[in-house]
Amino acid sequence: MPKKILIVDDELDIRNYLETLFKNEGYVTATATDGVEGLKALESEAPDLITLDLQMPNNTGTDFYRKMHRNEKFGNIPVIVISGVPGRHLAVKKPAAVFDKPIDRDKLMAAVKEAIG
């Protein structure tokens, strides 16, 4: 069964890019436009990995991450931070990887494969 990646990002272009990239590599994807949608998607989608933007309306990526980790069901899901926010490496405790926008496709796919195969 293919692994599932939840893409949490408010930018449509980024969501579409990541969705296409991951699907072309054989992964199943789900998307959310902010942290509120992302938390709902955690329950319904049961992802193996999350890509997370930090600066979003309604609920920041940092808020999403904190709430996600309060639930032990989701605490072990690897998170890859994809953001242009300064200090992004500090926003998530032990991220699987951290990437700037624009994203280096090859390095991102290497990080995904390392995190979930």
PDB file of N, CA and C in Angstrom:
ATOM      1  N   MET A   1       0.840  -1.182   0.000  1.00  0.00           N
ATOM      2  CA  MET A   1       0.000   0.000   0.000  1.00  0.00           C
ATOM      3  C   MET A   1       0.888   1.249   0.000  1.00  0.00           C
ATOM      4  N   PRO A   2       0.583   2.210  -0.890  1.00  0.00           N
ATOM      5  CA  PRO A   2       1.434   3.407  -0.952  1.00  0.00           C
ATOM      6  C   PRO A   2       1.329   4.266   0.307  1.00  0.00           C
ATOM      7  N   LYS A   3       2.419   4.934   0.608  1.00  0.00           N
ATOM      8  CA  LYS A   3       2.461   5.840   1.759  1.00  0.00           C
ATOM      9  C   LYS A   3       1.707   7.123   1.420  1.00  0.00           C
ATOM     10  N   LYS A   4       1.121   7.740   2.466  1.00  0.00           N
ATOM     11  CA  LYS A   4       0.333   8.958   2.274  1.00  0.00           C
ATOM     12  C   LYS A   4       1.033  10.161   2.881  1.00  0.00           C
ATOM     13  N   ILE A   5       1.037  11.259   2.123  1.00  0.00           N
ATOM     14  CA  ILE A   5       1.642  12.510   2.571  1.00  0.00           C
ATOM     15  C   ILE A   5       0.563  13.580   2.660  1.00  0.00           C
ATOM     16  N   LEU A   6       0.476  14.219   3.808  1.00  0.00           N
ATOM     17  CA  LEU A   6      -0.430  15.351   4.006  1.00  0.00           C
ATOM     18  C   LEU A   6       0.356  16.638   3.769  1.00  0.00           C
ATOM     19  N   ILE A   7      -0.126  17.455   2.827  1.00  0.00           N
ATOM     20  CA  ILE A   7       0.502  18.722   2.472  1.00  0.00           C
ATOM     21  C   ILE A   7      -0.305  19.840   3.132  1.00  0.00           C
ATOM     22  N   VAL A   8       0.301  20.561   4.080  1.00  0.00           N
ATOM     23  CA  VAL A   8      -0.391  21.656   4.762  1.00  0.00           C
ATOM     24  C   VAL A   8       0.300  22.959   4.348  1.00  0.00           C
ATOM     25  N   ASP A   9      -0.360  23.706   3.453  1.00  0.00           N
ATOM     26  CA  ASP A   9       0.217  24.945   2.923  1.00  0.00           C
ATOM     27  C   ASP A   9      -0.902  25.811   2.376  1.00  0.00           C
ATOM     28  N   ASP A  10      -0.844  27.109   2.638  1.00  0.00           N
ATOM     29  CA  ASP A  10      -1.902  28.005   2.161  1.00  0.00           C
ATOM     30  C   ASP A  10      -1.704  28.439   0.710  1.00  0.00           C
ATOM     31  N   GLU A  11      -0.535  28.205   0.140  1.00  0.00           N
ATOM     32  CA  GLU A  11      -0.267  28.617  -1.243  1.00  0.00           C
ATOM     33  C   GLU A  11      -0.675  27.519  -2.223  1.00  0.00           C
ATOM     34  N   LEU A  12      -1.646  27.836  -3.070  1.00  0.00           N
ATOM     35  CA  LEU A  12      -2.170  26.874  -4.039  1.00  0.00           C
ATOM     36  C   LEU A  12      -1.070  26.334  -4.950  1.00  0.00           C
ATOM     37  N   ASP A  13      -0.190  27.203  -5.428  1.00  0.00           N
ATOM     38  CA  ASP A  13       0.886  26.762  -6.328  1.00  0.00           C
ATOM     39  C   ASP A  13       1.787  25.734  -5.658  1.00  0.00           C
ATOM     40  N   ILE A  14       2.110  25.963  -4.405  1.00  0.00           N
ATOM     41  CA  ILE A  14       2.971  25.032  -3.661  1.00  0.00           C
ATOM     42  C   ILE A  14       2.241  23.703  -3.447  1.00  0.00           C
ATOM     43  N   ARG A  15       0.970  23.770  -3.029  1.00  0.00           N
ATOM     44  CA  ARG A  15       0.195  22.530  -2.835  1.00  0.00           C
ATOM     45  C   ARG A  15       0.138  21.722  -4.125  1.00  0.00           C
ATOM     46  N   ASN A  16      -0.167  22.391  -5.233  1.00  0.00           N
ATOM     47  CA  ASN A  16      -0.256  21.690  -6.521  1.00  0.00           C
ATOM     48  C   ASN A  16       1.080  21.093  -6.929  1.00  0.00           C
ATOM     49  N   TYR A  17       2.158  21.848  -6.740  1.00  0.00           N
ATOM     50  CA  TYR A  17       3.495  21.368  -7.083  1.00  0.00           C
ATOM     51  C   TYR A  17       3.843  20.115  -6.270  1.00  0.00           C
ATOM     52  N   LEU A  18       3.655  20.195  -4.958  1.00  0.00           N
ATOM     53  CA  LEU A  18       3.992  19.066  -4.091  1.00  0.00           C
ATOM     54  C   LEU A  18       3.101  17.861  -4.386  1.00  0.00           C
ATOM     55  N   GLU A  19       1.823  18.112  -4.595  1.00  0.00           N
ATOM     56  CA  GLU A  19       0.896  17.023  -4.889  1.00  0.00           C
ATOM     57  C   GLU A  19       1.324  16.275  -6.154  1.00  0.00           C
ATOM     58  N   THR A  20       1.645  17.010  -7.204  1.00  0.00           N
ATOM     59  CA  THR A  20       2.092  16.399  -8.459  1.00  0.00           C
ATOM     60  C   THR A  20       3.411  15.654  -8.264  1.00  0.00           C
ATOM     61  N   LEU A  21       4.351  16.290  -7.590  1.00  0.00           N
ATOM     62  CA  LEU A  21       5.659  15.679  -7.338  1.00  0.00           C
ATOM     63  C   LEU A  21       5.506  14.353  -6.590  1.00  0.00           C
ATOM     64  N   PHE A  22       4.754  14.365  -5.489  1.00  0.00           N
ATOM     65  CA  PHE A  22       4.609  13.154  -4.680  1.00  0.00           C
ATOM     66  C   PHE A  22       3.841  12.058  -5.418  1.00  0.00           C
ATOM     67  N   LYS A  23       2.787  12.425  -6.138  1.00  0.00           N
ATOM     68  CA  LYS A  23       2.017  11.430  -6.899  1.00  0.00           C
ATOM     69  C   LYS A  23       2.885  10.785  -7.975  1.00  0.00           C
ATOM     70  N   ASN A  24       3.723  11.593  -8.637  1.00  0.00           N
ATOM     71  CA  ASN A  24       4.626  11.057  -9.662  1.00  0.00           C
ATOM     72  C   ASN A  24       5.652  10.094  -9.077  1.00  0.00           C
ATOM     73  N   GLU A  25       5.917  10.226  -7.780  1.00  0.00           N
ATOM     74  CA  GLU A  25       6.866   9.332  -7.101  1.00  0.00           C
ATOM     75  C   GLU A  25       6.161   8.138  -6.452  1.00  0.00           C
ATOM     76  N   GLY A  26       4.835   8.026  -6.644  1.00  0.00           N
ATOM     77  CA  GLY A  26       4.104   6.869  -6.151  1.00  0.00           C
ATOM     78  C   GLY A  26       3.429   7.030  -4.800  1.00  0.00           C
ATOM     79  N   TYR A  27       3.410   8.240  -4.262  1.00  0.00           N
ATOM     80  CA  TYR A  27       2.763   8.481  -2.974  1.00  0.00           C
ATOM     81  C   TYR A  27       1.315   8.924  -3.175  1.00  0.00           C
ATOM     82  N   VAL A  28       0.491   8.693  -2.181  1.00  0.00           N
ATOM     83  CA  VAL A  28      -0.867   9.209  -2.147  1.00  0.00           C
ATOM     84  C   VAL A  28      -0.803  10.519  -1.378  1.00  0.00           C
ATOM     85  N   THR A  29      -1.614  11.521  -1.767  1.00  0.00           N
ATOM     86  CA  THR A  29      -1.558  12.803  -1.087  1.00  0.00           C
ATOM     87  C   THR A  29      -2.930  13.252  -0.593  1.00  0.00           C
ATOM     88  N   ALA A  30      -2.879  14.102   0.408  1.00  0.00           N
ATOM     89  CA  ALA A  30      -4.041  14.832   0.893  1.00  0.00           C
ATOM     90  C   ALA A  30      -3.542  16.247   1.140  1.00  0.00           C
ATOM     91  N   THR A  31      -4.432  17.238   1.032  1.00  0.00           N
ATOM     92  CA  THR A  31      -3.994  18.615   1.216  1.00  0.00           C
ATOM     93  C   THR A  31      -4.880  19.346   2.218  1.00  0.00           C
ATOM     94  N   ALA A  32      -4.295  20.385   2.802  1.00  0.00           N
ATOM     95  CA  ALA A  32      -5.011  21.280   3.711  1.00  0.00           C
ATOM     96  C   ALA A  32      -4.456  22.678   3.495  1.00  0.00           C
ATOM     97  N   THR A  33      -5.339  23.683   3.569  1.00  0.00           N
ATOM     98  CA  THR A  33      -4.919  25.060   3.293  1.00  0.00           C
ATOM     99  C   THR A  33      -4.450  25.813   4.527  1.00  0.00           C
ATOM    100  N   ASP A  34      -4.658  25.238   5.705  1.00  0.00           N
ATOM    101  CA  ASP A  34      -4.184  25.876   6.935  1.00  0.00           C
ATOM    102  C   ASP A  34      -4.142  24.836   8.048  1.00  0.00           C
ATOM    103  N   GLY A  35      -3.730  25.279   9.231  1.00  0.00           N
ATOM    104  CA  GLY A  35      -3.593  24.353  10.353  1.00  0.00           C
ATOM    105  C   GLY A  35      -4.906  23.758  10.819  1.00  0.00           C
ATOM    106  N   VAL A  36      -6.000  24.519  10.701  1.00  0.00           N
ATOM    107  CA  VAL A  36      -7.310  24.012  11.120  1.00  0.00           C
ATOM    108  C   VAL A  36      -7.717  22.833  10.231  1.00  0.00           C
ATOM    109  N   GLU A  37      -7.622  23.035   8.912  1.00  0.00           N
ATOM    110  CA  GLU A  37      -7.914  21.947   7.977  1.00  0.00           C
ATOM    111  C   GLU A  37      -6.930  20.793   8.173  1.00  0.00           C
ATOM    112  N   GLY A  38      -5.682  21.136   8.447  1.00  0.00           N
ATOM    113  CA  GLY A  38      -4.661  20.116   8.646  1.00  0.00           C
ATOM    114  C   GLY A  38      -4.982  19.199   9.810  1.00  0.00           C
ATOM    115  N   LEU A  39      -5.468  19.767  10.908  1.00  0.00           N
ATOM    116  CA  LEU A  39      -5.817  18.949  12.081  1.00  0.00           C
ATOM    117  C   LEU A  39      -6.991  18.028  11.768  1.00  0.00           C
ATOM    118  N   LYS A  40      -7.961  18.511  10.995  1.00  0.00           N
ATOM    119  CA  LYS A  40      -9.082  17.658  10.582  1.00  0.00           C
ATOM    120  C   LYS A  40      -8.594  16.539   9.668  1.00  0.00           C
ATOM    121  N   ALA A  41      -7.689  16.881   8.765  1.00  0.00           N
ATOM    122  CA  ALA A  41      -7.153  15.892   7.835  1.00  0.00           C
ATOM    123  C   ALA A  41      -6.330  14.818   8.546  1.00  0.00           C
ATOM    124  N   LEU A  42      -5.680  15.166   9.645  1.00  0.00           N
ATOM    125  CA  LEU A  42      -4.928  14.164  10.413  1.00  0.00           C
ATOM    126  C   LEU A  42      -5.835  12.999  10.797  1.00  0.00           C
ATOM    127  N   GLU A  43      -7.019  13.331  11.289  1.00  0.00           N
ATOM    128  CA  GLU A  43      -7.977  12.305  11.719  1.00  0.00           C
ATOM    129  C   GLU A  43      -8.461  11.462  10.545  1.00  0.00           C
ATOM    130  N   SER A  44      -8.870  12.134   9.465  1.00  0.00           N
ATOM    131  CA  SER A  44      -9.501  11.410   8.362  1.00  0.00           C
ATOM    132  C   SER A  44      -8.509  10.738   7.420  1.00  0.00           C
ATOM    133  N   GLU A  45      -7.319  11.295   7.287  1.00  0.00           N
ATOM    134  CA  GLU A  45      -6.377  10.799   6.279  1.00  0.00           C
ATOM    135  C   GLU A  45      -5.290   9.870   6.821  1.00  0.00           C
ATOM    136  N   ALA A  46      -4.995   9.935   8.094  1.00  0.00           N
ATOM    137  CA  ALA A  46      -3.944   9.113   8.710  1.00  0.00           C
ATOM    138  C   ALA A  46      -2.662   9.100   7.863  1.00  0.00           C
ATOM    139  N   PRO A  47      -2.013  10.261   7.699  1.00  0.00           N
ATOM    140  CA  PRO A  47      -0.823  10.330   6.847  1.00  0.00           C
ATOM    141  C   PRO A  47       0.399   9.668   7.478  1.00  0.00           C
ATOM    142  N   ASP A  48       1.324   9.285   6.603  1.00  0.00           N
ATOM    143  CA  ASP A  48       2.604   8.735   7.048  1.00  0.00           C
ATOM    144  C   ASP A  48       3.642   9.838   7.235  1.00  0.00           C
ATOM    145  N   LEU A  49       3.402  10.999   6.582  1.00  0.00           N
ATOM    146  CA  LEU A  49       4.333  12.124   6.608  1.00  0.00           C
ATOM    147  C   LEU A  49       3.529  13.400   6.383  1.00  0.00           C
ATOM    148  N   ILE A  50       4.019  14.512   6.935  1.00  0.00           N
ATOM    149  CA  ILE A  50       3.375  15.810   6.737  1.00  0.00           C
ATOM    150  C   ILE A  50       4.412  16.797   6.225  1.00  0.00           C
ATOM    151  N   THR A  51       4.055  17.553   5.169  1.00  0.00           N
ATOM    152  CA  THR A  51       4.855  18.712   4.802  1.00  0.00           C
ATOM    153  C   THR A  51       4.098  19.915   5.345  1.00  0.00           C
ATOM    154  N   LEU A  52       4.817  20.806   5.995  1.00  0.00           N
ATOM    155  CA  LEU A  52       4.174  21.871   6.747  1.00  0.00           C
ATOM    156  C   LEU A  52       4.770  23.236   6.458  1.00  0.00           C
ATOM    157  N   ASP A  53       3.905  24.144   6.001  1.00  0.00           N
ATOM    158  CA  ASP A  53       4.270  25.553   5.890  1.00  0.00           C
ATOM    159  C   ASP A  53       4.087  26.158   7.285  1.00  0.00           C
ATOM    160  N   LEU A  54       4.859  27.156   7.631  1.00  0.00           N
ATOM    161  CA  LEU A  54       4.742  27.743   8.966  1.00  0.00           C
ATOM    162  C   LEU A  54       3.838  28.963   9.015  1.00  0.00           C
ATOM    163  N   GLN A  55       3.856  29.756   7.959  1.00  0.00           N
ATOM    164  CA  GLN A  55       3.091  30.999   7.968  1.00  0.00           C
ATOM    165  C   GLN A  55       1.824  30.832   7.132  1.00  0.00           C
ATOM    166  N   MET A  56       0.688  30.647   7.825  1.00  0.00           N
ATOM    167  CA  MET A  56      -0.597  30.445   7.171  1.00  0.00           C
ATOM    168  C   MET A  56      -1.667  31.210   7.940  1.00  0.00           C
ATOM    169  N   PRO A  57      -2.767  31.547   7.269  1.00  0.00           N
ATOM    170  CA  PRO A  57      -3.869  32.192   7.983  1.00  0.00           C
ATOM    171  C   PRO A  57      -4.580  31.195   8.901  1.00  0.00           C
ATOM    172  N   ASN A  58      -5.363  31.687   9.819  1.00  0.00           N
ATOM    173  CA  ASN A  58      -6.202  30.898  10.740  1.00  0.00           C
ATOM    174  C   ASN A  58      -5.428  30.148  11.814  1.00  0.00           C
ATOM    175  N   ASN A  59      -4.451  29.384  11.427  1.00  0.00           N
ATOM    176  CA  ASN A  59      -3.716  28.581  12.393  1.00  0.00           C
ATOM    177  C   ASN A  59      -2.325  28.358  11.821  1.00  0.00           C
ATOM    178  N   THR A  60      -1.309  28.914  12.431  1.00  0.00           N
ATOM    179  CA  THR A  60       0.048  28.802  11.889  1.00  0.00           C
ATOM    180  C   THR A  60       0.534  27.362  11.927  1.00  0.00           C
ATOM    181  N   GLY A  61       1.588  27.106  11.172  1.00  0.00           N
ATOM    182  CA  GLY A  61       2.181  25.776  11.177  1.00  0.00           C
ATOM    183  C   GLY A  61       2.697  25.386  12.552  1.00  0.00           C
ATOM    184  N   THR A  62       3.213  26.356  13.274  1.00  0.00           N
ATOM    185  CA  THR A  62       3.706  26.087  14.624  1.00  0.00           C
ATOM    186  C   THR A  62       2.558  25.664  15.541  1.00  0.00           C
ATOM    187  N   ASP A  63       1.421  26.370  15.455  1.00  0.00           N
ATOM    188  CA  ASP A  63       0.238  25.991  16.249  1.00  0.00           C
ATOM    189  C   ASP A  63      -0.244  24.590  15.873  1.00  0.00           C
ATOM    190  N   PHE A  64      -0.298  24.333  14.571  1.00  0.00           N
ATOM    191  CA  PHE A  64      -0.700  23.011  14.091  1.00  0.00           C
ATOM    192  C   PHE A  64       0.202  21.934  14.690  1.00  0.00           C
ATOM    193  N   TYR A  65       1.507  22.170  14.631  1.00  0.00           N
ATOM    194  CA  TYR A  65       2.468  21.187  15.129  1.00  0.00           C
ATOM    195  C   TYR A  65       2.275  20.929  16.627  1.00  0.00           C
ATOM    196  N   ARG A  66       2.099  22.009  17.400  1.00  0.00           N
ATOM    197  CA  ARG A  66       1.894  21.842  18.847  1.00  0.00           C
ATOM    198  C   ARG A  66       0.638  21.019  19.137  1.00  0.00           C
ATOM    199  N   LYS A  67      -0.455  21.343  18.460  1.00  0.00           N
ATOM    200  CA  LYS A  67      -1.713  20.616  18.679  1.00  0.00           C
ATOM    201  C   LYS A  67      -1.602  19.166  18.225  1.00  0.00           C
ATOM    202  N   MET A  68      -0.928  18.947  17.121  1.00  0.00           N
ATOM    203  CA  MET A  68      -0.724  17.589  16.611  1.00  0.00           C
ATOM    204  C   MET A  68       0.020  16.742  17.650  1.00  0.00           C
ATOM    205  N   HIS A  69       1.041  17.321  18.260  1.00  0.00           N
ATOM    206  CA  HIS A  69       1.869  16.557  19.201  1.00  0.00           C
ATOM    207  C   HIS A  69       1.209  16.346  20.560  1.00  0.00           C
ATOM    208  N   ARG A  70       0.140  17.047  20.830  1.00  0.00           N
ATOM    209  CA  ARG A  70      -0.590  16.783  22.075  1.00  0.00           C
ATOM    210  C   ARG A  70      -1.374  15.477  21.980  1.00  0.00           C
ATOM    211  N   ASN A  71      -1.602  14.999  20.768  1.00  0.00           N
ATOM    212  CA  ASN A  71      -2.335  13.757  20.552  1.00  0.00           C
ATOM    213  C   ASN A  71      -1.311  12.653  20.270  1.00  0.00           C
ATOM    214  N   GLU A  72      -1.203  11.696  21.167  1.00  0.00           N
ATOM    215  CA  GLU A  72      -0.157  10.680  21.003  1.00  0.00           C
ATOM    216  C   GLU A  72      -0.331   9.830  19.756  1.00  0.00           C
ATOM    217  N   LYS A  73      -1.530   9.819  19.186  1.00  0.00           N
ATOM    218  CA  LYS A  73      -1.772   9.087  17.938  1.00  0.00           C
ATOM    219  C   LYS A  73      -0.955   9.684  16.788  1.00  0.00           C
ATOM    220  N   PHE A  74      -0.688  10.983  16.836  1.00  0.00           N
ATOM    221  CA  PHE A  74      -0.028  11.667  15.725  1.00  0.00           C
ATOM    222  C   PHE A  74       1.394  12.111  16.035  1.00  0.00           C
ATOM    223  N   GLY A  75       1.831  11.966  17.253  1.00  0.00           N
ATOM    224  CA  GLY A  75       3.121  12.492  17.677  1.00  0.00           C
ATOM    225  C   GLY A  75       4.331  11.940  16.965  1.00  0.00           C
ATOM    226  N   ASN A  76       4.224  10.746  16.384  1.00  0.00           N
ATOM    227  CA  ASN A  76       5.383  10.140  15.727  1.00  0.00           C
ATOM    228  C   ASN A  76       5.395  10.318  14.215  1.00  0.00           C
ATOM    229  N   ILE A  77       4.431  11.058  13.679  1.00  0.00           N
ATOM    230  CA  ILE A  77       4.405  11.291  12.231  1.00  0.00           C
ATOM    231  C   ILE A  77       5.531  12.271  11.890  1.00  0.00           C
ATOM    232  N   PRO A  78       6.424  11.903  10.957  1.00  0.00           N
ATOM    233  CA  PRO A  78       7.501  12.825  10.583  1.00  0.00           C
ATOM    234  C   PRO A  78       6.943  14.081   9.910  1.00  0.00           C
ATOM    235  N   VAL A  79       7.577  15.217  10.190  1.00  0.00           N
ATOM    236  CA  VAL A  79       7.165  16.498   9.621  1.00  0.00           C
ATOM    237  C   VAL A  79       8.344  17.109   8.868  1.00  0.00           C
ATOM    238  N   ILE A  80       8.091  17.498   7.620  1.00  0.00           N
ATOM    239  CA  ILE A  80       9.077  18.234   6.834  1.00  0.00           C
ATOM    240  C   ILE A  80       8.569  19.665   6.722  1.00  0.00           C
ATOM    241  N   VAL A  81       9.350  20.602   7.236  1.00  0.00           N
ATOM    242  CA  VAL A  81       8.977  22.014   7.190  1.00  0.00           C
ATOM    243  C   VAL A  81       9.417  22.595   5.844  1.00  0.00           C
ATOM    244  N   ILE A  82       8.462  23.252   5.156  1.00  0.00           N
ATOM    245  CA  ILE A  82       8.747  23.931   3.892  1.00  0.00           C
ATOM    246  C   ILE A  82       8.245  25.356   4.055  1.00  0.00           C
ATOM    247  N   SER A  83       9.174  26.288   4.244  1.00  0.00           N
ATOM    248  CA  SER A  83       8.752  27.648   4.569  1.00  0.00           C
ATOM    249  C   SER A  83       9.848  28.644   4.257  1.00  0.00           C
ATOM    250  N   GLY A  84       9.444  29.882   4.037  1.00  0.00           N
ATOM    251  CA  GLY A  84      10.401  30.959   3.843  1.00  0.00           C
ATOM    252  C   GLY A  84      10.576  31.798   5.098  1.00  0.00           C
ATOM    253  N   VAL A  85      10.022  31.350   6.203  1.00  0.00           N
ATOM    254  CA  VAL A  85      10.050  32.107   7.451  1.00  0.00           C
ATOM    255  C   VAL A  85      11.419  31.983   8.128  1.00  0.00           C
ATOM    256  N   PRO A  86      12.024  33.099   8.536  1.00  0.00           N
ATOM    257  CA  PRO A  86      13.287  33.025   9.277  1.00  0.00           C
ATOM    258  C   PRO A  86      13.083  32.277  10.602  1.00  0.00           C
ATOM    259  N   GLY A  87      14.089  31.528  11.011  1.00  0.00           N
ATOM    260  CA  GLY A  87      14.008  30.783  12.261  1.00  0.00           C
ATOM    261  C   GLY A  87      13.125  29.552  12.169  1.00  0.00           C
ATOM    262  N   ARG A  88      12.778  29.152  10.940  1.00  0.00           N
ATOM    263  CA  ARG A  88      11.856  28.018  10.743  1.00  0.00           C
ATOM    264  C   ARG A  88      12.365  26.723  11.369  1.00  0.00           C
ATOM    265  N   HIS A  89      13.677  26.575  11.464  1.00  0.00           N
ATOM    266  CA  HIS A  89      14.244  25.368  12.052  1.00  0.00           C
ATOM    267  C   HIS A  89      13.933  25.266  13.547  1.00  0.00           C
ATOM    268  N   LEU A  90      13.543  26.379  14.166  1.00  0.00           N
ATOM    269  CA  LEU A  90      13.231  26.378  15.599  1.00  0.00           C
ATOM    270  C   LEU A  90      11.748  26.128  15.878  1.00  0.00           C
ATOM    271  N   ALA A  91      10.917  26.246  14.857  1.00  0.00           N
ATOM    272  CA  ALA A  91       9.465  26.202  15.043  1.00  0.00           C
ATOM    273  C   ALA A  91       8.928  24.795  15.297  1.00  0.00           C
ATOM    274  N   VAL A  92       9.622  23.805  14.807  1.00  0.00           N
ATOM    275  CA  VAL A  92       9.180  22.419  14.942  1.00  0.00           C
ATOM    276  C   VAL A  92      10.295  21.634  15.613  1.00  0.00           C
ATOM    277  N   LYS A  93       9.951  20.943  16.671  1.00  0.00           N
ATOM    278  CA  LYS A  93      10.938  20.153  17.397  1.00  0.00           C
ATOM    279  C   LYS A  93      11.252  18.887  16.601  1.00  0.00           C
ATOM    280  N   LYS A  94      12.502  18.689  16.290  1.00  0.00           N
ATOM    281  CA  LYS A  94      12.975  17.515  15.563  1.00  0.00           C
ATOM    282  C   LYS A  94      12.256  17.279  14.234  1.00  0.00           C
ATOM    283  N   PRO A  95      12.290  18.254  13.308  1.00  0.00           N
ATOM    284  CA  PRO A  95      11.694  18.001  11.994  1.00  0.00           C
ATOM    285  C   PRO A  95      12.512  16.960  11.232  1.00  0.00           C
ATOM    286  N   ALA A  96      11.867  16.239  10.340  1.00  0.00           N
ATOM    287  CA  ALA A  96      12.589  15.278   9.500  1.00  0.00           C
ATOM    288  C   ALA A  96      13.535  16.030   8.564  1.00  0.00           C
ATOM    289  N   ALA A  97      13.117  17.236   8.151  1.00  0.00           N
ATOM    290  CA  ALA A  97      13.945  18.096   7.301  1.00  0.00           C
ATOM    291  C   ALA A  97      13.320  19.482   7.277  1.00  0.00           C
ATOM    292  N   VAL A  98      14.112  20.473   6.851  1.00  0.00           N
ATOM    293  CA  VAL A  98      13.634  21.848   6.721  1.00  0.00           C
ATOM    294  C   VAL A  98      14.082  22.367   5.356  1.00  0.00           C
ATOM    295  N   PHE A  99      13.126  22.931   4.595  1.00  0.00           N
ATOM    296  CA  PHE A  99      13.418  23.451   3.264  1.00  0.00           C
ATOM    297  C   PHE A  99      12.917  24.865   3.105  1.00  0.00           C
ATOM    298  N   ASP A 100      13.692  25.660   2.360  1.00  0.00           N
ATOM    299  CA  ASP A 100      13.276  27.001   1.955  1.00  0.00           C
ATOM    300  C   ASP A 100      12.381  26.882   0.732  1.00  0.00           C
ATOM    301  N   LYS A 101      11.570  27.925   0.530  1.00  0.00           N
ATOM    302  CA  LYS A 101      10.890  28.076  -0.751  1.00  0.00           C
ATOM    303  C   LYS A 101      11.762  29.016  -1.571  1.00  0.00           C
ATOM    304  N   PRO A 102      12.029  28.749  -2.836  1.00  0.00           N
ATOM    305  CA  PRO A 102      11.603  27.591  -3.622  1.00  0.00           C
ATOM    306  C   PRO A 102      12.302  26.307  -3.180  1.00  0.00           C
ATOM    307  N   ILE A 103      11.659  25.217  -3.449  1.00  0.00           N
ATOM    308  CA  ILE A 103      12.053  23.904  -2.931  1.00  0.00           C
ATOM    309  C   ILE A 103      13.006  23.206  -3.897  1.00  0.00           C
ATOM    310  N   ASP A 104      14.047  22.619  -3.355  1.00  0.00           N
ATOM    311  CA  ASP A 104      14.945  21.776  -4.145  1.00  0.00           C
ATOM    312  C   ASP A 104      14.302  20.396  -4.239  1.00  0.00           C
ATOM    313  N   ARG A 105      13.777  20.078  -5.407  1.00  0.00           N
ATOM    314  CA  ARG A 105      13.003  18.858  -5.631  1.00  0.00           C
ATOM    315  C   ARG A 105      13.775  17.589  -5.222  1.00  0.00           C
ATOM    316  N   ASP A 106      15.013  17.471  -5.670  1.00  0.00           N
ATOM    317  CA  ASP A 106      15.784  16.252  -5.402  1.00  0.00           C
ATOM    318  C   ASP A 106      16.074  16.076  -3.915  1.00  0.00           C
ATOM    319  N   LYS A 107      16.429  17.167  -3.244  1.00  0.00           N
ATOM    320  CA  LYS A 107      16.709  17.073  -1.807  1.00  0.00           C
ATOM    321  C   LYS A 107      15.420  16.768  -1.031  1.00  0.00           C
ATOM    322  N   LEU A 108      14.301  17.353  -1.462  1.00  0.00           N
ATOM    323  CA  LEU A 108      13.021  17.063  -0.805  1.00  0.00           C
ATOM    324  C   LEU A 108      12.669  15.593  -0.962  1.00  0.00           C
ATOM    325  N   MET A 109      12.785  15.050  -2.160  1.00  0.00           N
ATOM    326  CA  MET A 109      12.439  13.640  -2.353  1.00  0.00           C
ATOM    327  C   MET A 109      13.378  12.718  -1.576  1.00  0.00           C
ATOM    328  N   ALA A 110      14.642  13.093  -1.468  1.00  0.00           N
ATOM    329  CA  ALA A 110      15.577  12.299  -0.669  1.00  0.00           C
ATOM    330  C   ALA A 110      15.153  12.307   0.804  1.00  0.00           C
ATOM    331  N   ALA A 111      14.710  13.462   1.303  1.00  0.00           N
ATOM    332  CA  ALA A 111      14.255  13.558   2.698  1.00  0.00           C
ATOM    333  C   ALA A 111      12.981  12.759   2.922  1.00  0.00           C
ATOM    334  N   VAL A 112      12.059  12.795   1.968  1.00  0.00           N
ATOM    335  CA  VAL A 112      10.817  12.017   2.076  1.00  0.00           C
ATOM    336  C   VAL A 112      11.147  10.531   2.115  1.00  0.00           C
ATOM    337  N   LYS A 113      11.987  10.094   1.210  1.00  0.00           N
ATOM    338  CA  LYS A 113      12.339   8.656   1.149  1.00  0.00           C
ATOM    339  C   LYS A 113      13.076   8.217   2.407  1.00  0.00           C
ATOM    340  N   GLU A 114      13.899   9.098   2.943  1.00  0.00           N
ATOM    341  CA  GLU A 114      14.596   8.761   4.193  1.00  0.00           C
ATOM    342  C   GLU A 114      13.606   8.654   5.354  1.00  0.00           C
ATOM    343  N   ALA A 115      12.604   9.528   5.383  1.00  0.00           N
ATOM    344  CA  ALA A 115      11.647   9.553   6.491  1.00  0.00           C
ATOM    345  C   ALA A 115      10.640   8.419   6.439  1.00  0.00           C
ATOM    346  N   ILE A 116      10.157   8.072   5.233  1.00  0.00           N
ATOM    347  CA  ILE A 116       9.074   7.068   5.160  1.00  0.00           C
ATOM    348  C   ILE A 116       9.268   5.989   4.098  1.00  0.00           C
ATOM    349  N   GLY A 117      10.342   6.062   3.354  1.00  0.00           N
ATOM    350  CA  GLY A 117      10.586   5.029   2.334  1.00  0.00           C
ATOM    351  C   GLY A 117       9.939   5.309   1.009  1.00  0.00           C
TER     352      GLY A 117
END
